[in-house]
Amino acid sequence: MRAGHGARAVSALPAIVRHLGRQPYAPVWQAMQRFTDARCADTTDELWVVEHDPVFTLGQAGKPEHVLAPGDIPVVQVDRGGQVTYHGPGQLVVYPLLDLHRLKIGVREYVCRIEQAIIDTLADWNIEAQRREGAPGVYVNDAKIAALGIRVRRGRTFHGLAFNVAMDLEPFQRINPCGYQGLQVVALSDLGGPLSLDRVAIVLLEHLAAQFGLAPAEGPPPALPAE
């Protein structure tokens, strides 16, 4: 496994990777909360991989005026940081459920490492990407390709990243993405990258594991509450 830029040489820690497939947003959010509330110092970290049904999510400090014309897509107020974003089919969502105390890193470094994992993933398809100071996420030619929205409770993370792989970007026109009027968005498939979420997930999980010093192993999907 290749170590991404900025990764620290540490003994690999176990992590369980759970593939949820396509799911509505709310049950996965509730399951993340339940996992985070129940975990203890010995709980193994997890990485949840999911594709969501169409939904706009508005962060804790999110301003409703950034939701311009949601139409038939539901808007859900959630407990992550950040403003409004869109999740939908063709977007790869990864929720790192990590113990920052065990990893010995702070929130700022946690965000930087996620961004670097995405940048390294794009580099595997010869796409040059950047981060922006004060605007978390990853950008290609000033268009946002991946958004971050996180929550840390007692040093344990939930929520995570949304990576546009091969999706209809029209719903982003119904909002000010991440609170920025006129912010352009782009998908990996528009840049000559693959259409397969599974293929991109394999590469992204490799880079996330390298950034955080994890030894991932596959596990069954988590139990989700009924909607």
Protein backbone atom coordinates (compact mmCIF):
# COMPACT_ATOMS: atom_id res chain seq x y z
CA MET A 1 0.00 0.00 0.00
CA ARG A 2 1.37 3.40 -0.92
CA ALA A 3 1.60 6.02 1.80
CA GLY A 4 -0.12 9.24 0.74
CA HIS A 5 1.53 12.61 1.08
CA GLY A 6 1.51 13.76 4.69
CA ALA A 7 0.85 10.30 6.16
CA ARG A 8 2.79 9.39 9.26
CA ALA A 9 4.62 6.10 9.71
CA VAL A 10 2.63 4.31 12.42
CA SER A 11 1.69 0.74 13.24
CA ALA A 12 -1.42 -0.11 11.26
CA LEU A 13 -4.61 -0.08 13.29
CA PRO A 14 -7.51 -2.38 12.42
CA ALA A 15 -10.54 -0.86 10.73
CA ILE A 16 -13.74 -2.49 9.48
CA VAL A 17 -14.99 -1.48 6.01
CA ARG A 18 -18.76 -1.77 5.59
CA HIS A 19 -20.41 -1.42 2.17
CA LEU A 20 -24.01 -0.29 2.53
CA GLY A 21 -24.99 -0.04 -1.15
CA ARG A 22 -27.63 2.55 -2.03
CA GLN A 23 -29.57 3.80 0.98
CA PRO A 24 -31.83 6.66 2.04
CA TYR A 25 -29.99 9.24 4.09
CA ALA A 26 -31.78 9.30 7.45
CA PRO A 27 -31.32 5.65 8.55
CA VAL A 28 -27.58 5.79 7.82
CA TRP A 29 -27.25 9.06 9.73
CA GLN A 30 -29.10 7.58 12.70
CA ALA A 31 -26.91 4.46 12.62
CA MET A 32 -23.75 6.62 12.60
CA GLN A 33 -24.99 8.50 15.65
CA ARG A 34 -25.87 5.27 17.44
CA PHE A 35 -22.45 3.74 16.68
CA THR A 36 -20.61 6.87 17.85
CA ASP A 37 -22.63 7.17 21.07
CA ALA A 38 -22.13 3.49 21.94
CA ARG A 39 -18.44 3.13 21.16
CA CYS A 40 -15.73 3.01 23.82
CA ALA A 41 -11.94 3.26 23.86
CA ASP A 42 -11.59 -0.31 22.59
CA THR A 43 -14.10 -0.06 19.73
CA THR A 44 -12.55 -0.78 16.34
CA ASP A 45 -12.71 2.09 13.87
CA GLU A 46 -14.96 1.71 10.83
CA LEU A 47 -15.31 3.11 7.31
CA TRP A 48 -18.82 3.09 5.86
CA VAL A 49 -19.20 3.28 2.08
CA VAL A 50 -22.61 4.28 0.74
CA GLU A 51 -24.51 5.81 -2.17
CA HIS A 52 -27.53 7.89 -1.13
CA ASP A 53 -30.94 8.49 -2.58
CA PRO A 54 -31.34 12.16 -3.64
CA VAL A 55 -31.25 14.51 -0.63
CA PHE A 56 -30.04 17.97 0.33
CA THR A 57 -28.44 18.14 3.77
CA LEU A 58 -28.02 21.37 5.70
CA GLY A 59 -25.30 21.53 8.35
CA GLN A 60 -25.67 22.84 11.89
CA ALA A 61 -24.85 26.41 10.93
CA GLY A 62 -26.47 26.07 7.52
CA LYS A 63 -28.52 28.98 6.26
CA PRO A 64 -31.86 28.03 4.67
CA GLU A 65 -31.45 30.78 2.08
CA HIS A 66 -28.68 28.71 0.46
CA VAL A 67 -31.39 26.20 -0.51
CA LEU A 68 -32.71 27.98 -3.59
CA ALA A 69 -35.26 25.64 -5.20
CA PRO A 70 -35.18 22.09 -3.81
CA GLY A 71 -38.22 20.95 -5.79
CA ASP A 72 -38.97 17.30 -5.15
CA ILE A 73 -35.69 16.58 -3.34
CA PRO A 74 -36.02 16.52 0.46
CA VAL A 75 -33.99 18.86 2.68
CA VAL A 76 -32.68 17.41 5.94
CA GLN A 77 -31.16 19.49 8.77
CA VAL A 78 -28.25 17.48 10.18
CA ASP A 79 -25.65 17.65 12.95
CA ARG A 80 -22.49 18.01 10.86
CA GLY A 81 -20.50 21.13 10.16
CA GLY A 82 -20.80 23.09 6.95
CA GLN A 83 -23.61 24.49 4.88
CA VAL A 84 -25.80 22.77 2.28
CA THR A 85 -24.77 19.99 -0.06
CA TYR A 86 -26.40 17.39 -2.28
CA HIS A 87 -26.14 13.61 -2.14
CA GLY A 88 -27.46 11.41 -4.91
CA PRO A 89 -26.89 8.40 -7.14
CA GLY A 90 -23.44 8.26 -8.70
CA GLN A 91 -21.80 9.99 -5.74
CA LEU A 92 -19.41 8.01 -3.53
CA VAL A 93 -19.96 8.78 0.15
CA VAL A 94 -17.54 7.54 2.82
CA TYR A 95 -18.17 7.97 6.53
CA PRO A 96 -14.95 7.49 8.57
CA LEU A 97 -15.92 6.51 12.13
CA LEU A 98 -12.53 7.06 13.72
CA ASP A 99 -11.11 7.68 17.19
CA LEU A 100 -8.88 10.74 16.85
CA HIS A 101 -7.41 10.19 20.33
CA ARG A 102 -6.15 6.77 19.29
CA LEU A 103 -4.83 8.17 16.01
CA LYS A 104 -3.20 11.04 17.95
CA ILE A 105 -4.35 13.72 15.53
CA GLY A 106 -6.53 16.81 15.80
CA VAL A 107 -9.55 17.85 13.77
CA ARG A 108 -7.61 20.10 11.38
CA GLU A 109 -5.15 17.33 10.50
CA TYR A 110 -8.04 14.87 10.16
CA VAL A 111 -9.65 17.11 7.53
CA CYS A 112 -6.34 17.61 5.70
CA ARG A 113 -5.73 13.86 5.55
CA ILE A 114 -9.16 13.17 4.07
CA GLU A 115 -8.57 15.86 1.46
CA GLN A 116 -5.15 14.39 0.66
CA ALA A 117 -6.61 10.91 0.22
CA ILE A 118 -9.05 12.32 -2.35
CA ILE A 119 -6.27 14.29 -4.09
CA ASP A 120 -4.13 11.13 -4.24
CA THR A 121 -7.08 9.16 -5.62
CA LEU A 122 -7.58 11.68 -8.42
CA ALA A 123 -3.86 11.59 -9.17
CA ASP A 124 -4.23 7.87 -9.92
CA TRP A 125 -6.28 8.97 -12.94
CA ASN A 126 -3.82 11.77 -13.78
CA ILE A 127 -6.16 14.48 -12.50
CA GLU A 128 -4.53 17.32 -10.61
CA ALA A 129 -6.63 18.52 -7.69
CA GLN A 130 -6.20 21.08 -4.94
CA ARG A 131 -7.60 22.05 -1.55
CA ARG A 132 -8.65 25.61 -0.70
CA GLU A 133 -7.77 27.43 2.48
CA GLY A 134 -10.91 28.07 4.50
CA ALA A 135 -13.15 26.05 2.15
CA PRO A 136 -12.87 22.34 3.01
CA GLY A 137 -13.13 19.94 0.10
CA VAL A 138 -11.24 19.13 -3.07
CA TYR A 139 -11.27 21.15 -6.30
CA VAL A 140 -10.26 20.58 -9.92
CA ASN A 141 -9.81 23.75 -11.98
CA ASP A 142 -11.86 25.74 -9.41
CA ALA A 143 -14.78 23.28 -9.59
CA LYS A 144 -15.59 21.24 -6.50
CA ILE A 145 -15.38 17.50 -6.96
CA ALA A 146 -15.59 16.42 -3.30
CA ALA A 147 -17.24 17.95 -0.25
CA LEU A 148 -16.48 17.40 3.43
CA GLY A 149 -18.89 17.68 6.31
CA ILE A 150 -17.80 16.25 9.64
CA ARG A 151 -18.79 15.98 13.27
CA VAL A 152 -16.52 15.06 16.17
CA ARG A 153 -18.03 13.94 19.46
CA ARG A 154 -15.71 13.10 22.37
CA GLY A 155 -12.85 12.71 19.89
CA ARG A 156 -14.82 10.30 17.67
CA THR A 157 -15.69 11.26 14.11
CA PHE A 158 -18.81 10.71 12.05
CA HIS A 159 -20.27 12.10 8.83
CA GLY A 160 -17.52 12.43 6.22
CA LEU A 161 -16.91 12.98 2.52
CA ALA A 162 -18.95 13.02 -0.69
CA PHE A 163 -17.03 12.43 -3.94
CA ASN A 164 -18.78 13.14 -7.26
CA VAL A 165 -18.00 10.15 -9.46
CA ALA A 166 -20.62 9.75 -12.20
CA MET A 167 -23.76 11.66 -11.36
CA ASP A 168 -26.36 14.12 -12.55
CA LEU A 169 -25.04 17.46 -11.27
CA GLU A 170 -28.27 19.40 -11.96
CA PRO A 171 -29.44 19.37 -8.32
CA PHE A 172 -26.38 21.42 -7.34
CA GLN A 173 -27.94 24.25 -9.35
CA ARG A 174 -30.82 24.28 -6.86
CA ILE A 175 -28.51 25.31 -3.98
CA ASN A 176 -25.50 27.46 -3.22
CA PRO A 177 -23.13 24.50 -2.79
CA CYS A 178 -21.43 24.65 0.61
CA GLY A 179 -22.82 28.19 0.94
CA TYR A 180 -20.98 29.62 -2.08
CA GLN A 181 -23.13 31.31 -4.71
CA GLY A 182 -22.20 30.21 -8.21
CA LEU A 183 -19.72 27.55 -7.07
CA GLN A 184 -19.09 25.15 -9.94
CA VAL A 185 -19.12 21.42 -9.34
CA VAL A 186 -17.68 18.60 -11.43
CA ALA A 187 -17.74 14.80 -11.48
CA LEU A 188 -14.86 12.41 -12.00
CA SER A 189 -16.53 10.94 -15.09
CA ASP A 190 -16.59 14.40 -16.70
CA LEU A 191 -12.79 14.46 -16.40
CA GLY A 192 -12.22 11.14 -18.12
CA GLY A 193 -12.32 9.07 -14.93
CA PRO A 194 -14.21 5.81 -14.37
CA LEU A 195 -17.98 5.50 -14.06
CA SER A 196 -17.87 2.74 -11.44
CA LEU A 197 -18.30 3.76 -7.79
CA ASP A 198 -16.93 0.38 -6.72
CA ARG A 199 -13.73 0.91 -8.69
CA VAL A 200 -13.20 4.39 -7.24
CA ALA A 201 -14.04 3.17 -3.73
CA ILE A 202 -11.24 0.60 -3.84
CA VAL A 203 -8.67 3.29 -4.65
CA LEU A 204 -10.05 5.87 -2.23
CA LEU A 205 -10.17 3.39 0.66
CA GLU A 206 -6.54 2.47 -0.04
CA HIS A 207 -5.51 6.10 0.23
CA LEU A 208 -7.63 6.72 3.33
CA ALA A 209 -6.04 3.69 4.97
CA ALA A 210 -2.58 5.02 4.09
CA GLN A 211 -3.35 8.49 5.46
CA PHE A 212 -4.64 7.20 8.79
CA GLY A 213 -2.40 4.16 9.23
CA LEU A 214 -5.28 1.68 9.05
CA ALA A 215 -5.38 -2.00 8.16
CA PRO A 216 -8.87 -2.36 6.67
CA ALA A 217 -10.87 -5.59 6.66
CA GLU A 218 -14.28 -6.15 5.12
CA GLY A 219 -17.28 -6.54 7.42
CA PRO A 220 -21.03 -6.95 6.91
CA PRO A 221 -23.25 -3.89 6.49
CA PRO A 222 -24.46 -2.29 9.72
CA ALA A 223 -28.02 -2.76 10.90
CA LEU A 224 -30.04 0.30 9.88
CA PRO A 225 -33.14 1.59 11.64
CA ALA A 226 -36.37 1.60 9.67
CA GLU A 227 -37.33 4.94 8.12
